[in-house]
Amino acid sequence: MNKKTRQSISSETKTDKNEIAFEVREVSGRAYVVVKERRKGSVSIQQSMTFASQTEFESWCVQERRRLEFPLAYDQLSKKVSKIFNPNVEN
């Protein structure tokens, strides 16, 4: 396991109603993403996914309903995933 594989990147954003946190890791050349959503006064949701390419990630992201509530958080997430698939490109 190399250093990059063990690296974890986290991001957390809150609104009046909900909060969302992301964890991004590179595992065997893929992006492993964990999304944790806590709804105030309700349930917590945790979702994990593995993406084999930037295109696969972007396809998921376009359909993700929470990106409208947390646009800045999803922008940060997109940049972090992009660094996994394009490590030599500056964001």
N, C-alpha and C. Protein backbone atom coordinates (compact mmCIF):
# COMPACT_ATOMS: atom_id res chain seq x y z
N MET A 1 0.85 -1.17 0.00
CA MET A 1 0.00 0.00 0.00
C MET A 1 0.90 1.24 0.00
N ASN A 2 0.75 2.10 -0.98
CA ASN A 2 1.59 3.28 -1.02
C ASN A 2 0.97 4.43 -0.23
N LYS A 3 1.75 5.49 -0.07
CA LYS A 3 1.31 6.63 0.72
C LYS A 3 0.02 7.25 0.18
N LYS A 4 -0.08 7.35 -1.14
CA LYS A 4 -1.26 7.94 -1.77
C LYS A 4 -2.52 7.11 -1.50
N THR A 5 -2.38 5.81 -1.45
CA THR A 5 -3.52 4.93 -1.22
C THR A 5 -4.12 5.17 0.17
N ARG A 6 -3.26 5.47 1.13
CA ARG A 6 -3.74 5.66 2.49
C ARG A 6 -4.22 7.08 2.75
N GLN A 7 -3.97 7.99 1.86
CA GLN A 7 -4.34 9.38 2.06
C GLN A 7 -5.85 9.54 2.06
N SER A 8 -6.34 10.31 3.00
CA SER A 8 -7.76 10.59 3.10
C SER A 8 -7.97 12.10 3.09
N ILE A 9 -8.94 12.56 2.35
CA ILE A 9 -9.25 13.98 2.28
C ILE A 9 -10.70 14.15 2.75
N SER A 10 -10.90 15.05 3.68
CA SER A 10 -12.25 15.25 4.22
C SER A 10 -12.73 16.67 3.98
N SER A 11 -14.03 16.82 3.90
CA SER A 11 -14.65 18.13 3.74
C SER A 11 -16.00 18.09 4.43
N GLU A 12 -16.35 19.15 5.14
CA GLU A 12 -17.63 19.18 5.83
C GLU A 12 -18.31 20.52 5.60
N THR A 13 -19.62 20.51 5.34
CA THR A 13 -20.40 21.72 5.11
C THR A 13 -21.72 21.59 5.86
N LYS A 14 -22.20 22.71 6.40
CA LYS A 14 -23.46 22.71 7.14
C LYS A 14 -24.42 23.73 6.58
N THR A 15 -25.72 23.41 6.65
CA THR A 15 -26.78 24.38 6.38
C THR A 15 -27.64 24.41 7.62
N ASP A 16 -28.71 25.18 7.60
CA ASP A 16 -29.60 25.25 8.75
C ASP A 16 -30.26 23.91 9.04
N LYS A 17 -30.48 23.12 8.00
CA LYS A 17 -31.22 21.87 8.15
C LYS A 17 -30.31 20.64 8.21
N ASN A 18 -29.27 20.63 7.42
CA ASN A 18 -28.46 19.42 7.25
C ASN A 18 -26.98 19.76 7.30
N GLU A 19 -26.18 18.72 7.48
CA GLU A 19 -24.74 18.86 7.29
C GLU A 19 -24.26 17.67 6.49
N ILE A 20 -23.20 17.91 5.73
CA ILE A 20 -22.68 16.86 4.85
C ILE A 20 -21.16 16.83 4.98
N ALA A 21 -20.61 15.65 4.93
CA ALA A 21 -19.16 15.49 4.99
C ALA A 21 -18.74 14.49 3.92
N PHE A 22 -17.57 14.72 3.36
CA PHE A 22 -17.01 13.83 2.34
C PHE A 22 -15.67 13.30 2.80
N GLU A 23 -15.39 12.11 2.42
CA GLU A 23 -14.06 11.53 2.59
C GLU A 23 -13.68 10.93 1.25
N VAL A 24 -12.50 11.27 0.77
CA VAL A 24 -12.05 10.80 -0.54
C VAL A 24 -10.71 10.11 -0.37
N ARG A 25 -10.58 8.93 -0.93
CA ARG A 25 -9.32 8.19 -0.90
C ARG A 25 -9.04 7.58 -2.25
N GLU A 26 -7.77 7.44 -2.56
CA GLU A 26 -7.38 6.70 -3.75
C GLU A 26 -7.09 5.27 -3.33
N VAL A 27 -7.75 4.33 -3.97
CA VAL A 27 -7.55 2.91 -3.70
C VAL A 27 -7.34 2.21 -5.04
N SER A 28 -6.14 1.74 -5.27
CA SER A 28 -5.80 1.01 -6.50
C SER A 28 -6.17 1.78 -7.77
N GLY A 29 -5.89 3.07 -7.77
CA GLY A 29 -6.15 3.89 -8.95
C GLY A 29 -7.60 4.33 -9.11
N ARG A 30 -8.42 4.02 -8.14
CA ARG A 30 -9.84 4.40 -8.18
C ARG A 30 -10.11 5.42 -7.07
N ALA A 31 -11.18 6.18 -7.24
CA ALA A 31 -11.59 7.14 -6.21
C ALA A 31 -12.65 6.47 -5.33
N TYR A 32 -12.36 6.38 -4.05
CA TYR A 32 -13.30 5.84 -3.07
C TYR A 32 -13.87 7.04 -2.33
N VAL A 33 -15.19 7.24 -2.43
CA VAL A 33 -15.85 8.41 -1.85
C VAL A 33 -16.88 7.95 -0.82
N VAL A 34 -16.81 8.57 0.37
CA VAL A 34 -17.81 8.34 1.40
C VAL A 34 -18.54 9.67 1.61
N VAL A 35 -19.86 9.64 1.55
CA VAL A 35 -20.69 10.80 1.79
C VAL A 35 -21.49 10.54 3.07
N LYS A 36 -21.35 11.44 4.02
CA LYS A 36 -22.10 11.32 5.28
C LYS A 36 -23.01 12.52 5.40
N GLU A 37 -24.31 12.27 5.50
CA GLU A 37 -25.29 13.35 5.63
C GLU A 37 -26.02 13.18 6.94
N ARG A 38 -26.08 14.26 7.70
CA ARG A 38 -26.84 14.26 8.94
C ARG A 38 -27.97 15.28 8.80
N ARG A 39 -29.17 14.79 8.92
CA ARG A 39 -30.35 15.66 8.84
C ARG A 39 -30.77 16.00 10.26
N LYS A 40 -30.85 17.27 10.55
CA LYS A 40 -31.19 17.70 11.91
C LYS A 40 -32.59 17.22 12.28
N GLY A 41 -32.67 16.59 13.45
CA GLY A 41 -33.95 16.09 13.92
C GLY A 41 -34.41 14.84 13.21
N SER A 42 -33.52 14.21 12.46
CA SER A 42 -33.92 13.03 11.69
C SER A 42 -32.79 12.01 11.67
N VAL A 43 -32.61 11.39 10.56
CA VAL A 43 -31.64 10.29 10.42
C VAL A 43 -30.31 10.76 9.86
N SER A 44 -29.33 9.90 9.98
CA SER A 44 -28.04 10.10 9.34
C SER A 44 -27.91 9.07 8.22
N ILE A 45 -27.32 9.49 7.12
CA ILE A 45 -27.15 8.61 5.96
C ILE A 45 -25.67 8.56 5.62
N GLN A 46 -25.16 7.37 5.38
CA GLN A 46 -23.79 7.23 4.90
C GLN A 46 -23.82 6.40 3.63
N GLN A 47 -23.14 6.91 2.62
CA GLN A 47 -23.12 6.26 1.31
C GLN A 47 -21.66 6.19 0.87
N SER A 48 -21.25 5.04 0.37
CA SER A 48 -19.88 4.93 -0.15
C SER A 48 -19.92 4.37 -1.57
N MET A 49 -19.01 4.91 -2.38
CA MET A 49 -18.94 4.53 -3.79
C MET A 49 -17.50 4.46 -4.23
N THR A 50 -17.25 3.69 -5.28
CA THR A 50 -15.94 3.63 -5.90
C THR A 50 -16.11 3.98 -7.37
N PHE A 51 -15.26 4.89 -7.85
CA PHE A 51 -15.33 5.33 -9.24
C PHE A 51 -14.04 4.96 -9.95
N ALA A 52 -14.17 4.37 -11.12
CA ALA A 52 -13.01 3.93 -11.90
C ALA A 52 -12.46 5.04 -12.80
N SER A 53 -13.24 6.10 -13.02
CA SER A 53 -12.79 7.17 -13.91
C SER A 53 -13.45 8.49 -13.53
N GLN A 54 -12.88 9.57 -14.03
CA GLN A 54 -13.45 10.90 -13.82
C GLN A 54 -14.84 10.98 -14.45
N THR A 55 -14.99 10.38 -15.61
CA THR A 55 -16.29 10.38 -16.30
C THR A 55 -17.36 9.68 -15.48
N GLU A 56 -17.01 8.56 -14.89
CA GLU A 56 -17.95 7.81 -14.04
C GLU A 56 -18.37 8.66 -12.83
N PHE A 57 -17.41 9.34 -12.21
CA PHE A 57 -17.71 10.22 -11.08
C PHE A 57 -18.63 11.36 -11.50
N GLU A 58 -18.30 12.02 -12.62
CA GLU A 58 -19.10 13.15 -13.08
C GLU A 58 -20.53 12.73 -13.41
N SER A 59 -20.71 11.55 -13.96
CA SER A 59 -22.04 11.03 -14.26
C SER A 59 -22.86 10.88 -12.98
N TRP A 60 -22.24 10.38 -11.93
CA TRP A 60 -22.92 10.25 -10.64
C TRP A 60 -23.23 11.63 -10.07
N CYS A 61 -22.27 12.52 -10.13
CA CYS A 61 -22.41 13.84 -9.53
C CYS A 61 -23.56 14.64 -10.16
N VAL A 62 -23.72 14.54 -11.46
CA VAL A 62 -24.80 15.26 -12.15
C VAL A 62 -26.17 14.82 -11.64
N GLN A 63 -26.30 13.55 -11.26
CA GLN A 63 -27.57 13.02 -10.80
C GLN A 63 -27.77 13.16 -9.29
N GLU A 64 -26.74 13.56 -8.57
CA GLU A 64 -26.79 13.62 -7.11
C GLU A 64 -27.63 14.80 -6.64
N ARG A 65 -28.71 14.54 -5.95
CA ARG A 65 -29.65 15.58 -5.52
C ARG A 65 -29.04 16.55 -4.51
N ARG A 66 -28.12 16.08 -3.66
CA ARG A 66 -27.55 16.93 -2.61
C ARG A 66 -26.63 18.01 -3.16
N ARG A 67 -26.18 17.87 -4.42
CA ARG A 67 -25.27 18.88 -4.97
C ARG A 67 -25.95 20.23 -5.10
N LEU A 68 -27.28 20.26 -5.18
CA LEU A 68 -28.01 21.52 -5.27
C LEU A 68 -28.07 22.22 -3.92
N GLU A 69 -28.14 21.44 -2.85
CA GLU A 69 -28.18 22.02 -1.50
C GLU A 69 -26.79 22.41 -1.01
N PHE A 70 -25.77 21.69 -1.47
CA PHE A 70 -24.39 21.92 -1.04
C PHE A 70 -23.47 22.15 -2.25
N PRO A 71 -23.71 23.18 -3.05
CA PRO A 71 -22.93 23.32 -4.29
C PRO A 71 -21.44 23.51 -4.06
N LEU A 72 -21.04 24.26 -3.04
CA LEU A 72 -19.62 24.48 -2.78
C LEU A 72 -18.93 23.19 -2.33
N ALA A 73 -19.62 22.42 -1.51
CA ALA A 73 -19.06 21.15 -1.05
C ALA A 73 -18.85 20.19 -2.22
N TYR A 74 -19.80 20.16 -3.13
CA TYR A 74 -19.65 19.26 -4.29
C TYR A 74 -18.59 19.76 -5.26
N ASP A 75 -18.40 21.08 -5.30
CA ASP A 75 -17.31 21.62 -6.11
C ASP A 75 -15.96 21.18 -5.53
N GLN A 76 -15.82 21.25 -4.21
CA GLN A 76 -14.60 20.78 -3.54
C GLN A 76 -14.39 19.29 -3.77
N LEU A 77 -15.47 18.52 -3.65
CA LEU A 77 -15.38 17.08 -3.86
C LEU A 77 -14.91 16.77 -5.27
N SER A 78 -15.46 17.47 -6.25
CA SER A 78 -15.09 17.25 -7.64
C SER A 78 -13.60 17.53 -7.87
N LYS A 79 -13.09 18.59 -7.26
CA LYS A 79 -11.67 18.92 -7.39
C LYS A 79 -10.79 17.84 -6.76
N LYS A 80 -11.22 17.31 -5.62
CA LYS A 80 -10.44 16.27 -4.95
C LYS A 80 -10.41 14.97 -5.74
N VAL A 81 -11.54 14.62 -6.32
CA VAL A 81 -11.60 13.41 -7.15
C VAL A 81 -10.78 13.61 -8.42
N SER A 82 -10.86 14.80 -8.99
CA SER A 82 -10.08 15.09 -10.19
C SER A 82 -8.58 14.93 -9.96
N LYS A 83 -8.11 15.27 -8.76
CA LYS A 83 -6.69 15.12 -8.44
C LYS A 83 -6.26 13.66 -8.43
N ILE A 84 -7.18 12.77 -8.13
CA ILE A 84 -6.87 11.33 -8.14
C ILE A 84 -6.65 10.86 -9.57
N PHE A 85 -7.53 11.28 -10.47
CA PHE A 85 -7.44 10.81 -11.85
C PHE A 85 -6.49 11.64 -12.71
N ASN A 86 -6.21 12.86 -12.30
CA ASN A 86 -5.31 13.76 -13.03
C ASN A 86 -4.34 14.42 -12.05
N PRO A 87 -3.43 13.66 -11.47
CA PRO A 87 -2.57 14.20 -10.41
C PRO A 87 -1.63 15.31 -10.85
N ASN A 88 -1.34 15.41 -12.13
CA ASN A 88 -0.39 16.43 -12.61
C ASN A 88 -1.06 17.72 -13.08
N VAL A 89 -2.39 17.79 -12.96
CA VAL A 89 -3.13 18.97 -13.40
C VAL A 89 -3.50 19.80 -12.18
N GLU A 90 -3.21 21.10 -12.24
CA GLU A 90 -3.58 22.01 -11.17
C GLU A 90 -5.06 22.36 -11.25
N ASN A 91 -5.74 22.37 -10.09
CA ASN A 91 -7.16 22.77 -10.03
C ASN A 91 -7.29 24.15 -9.48
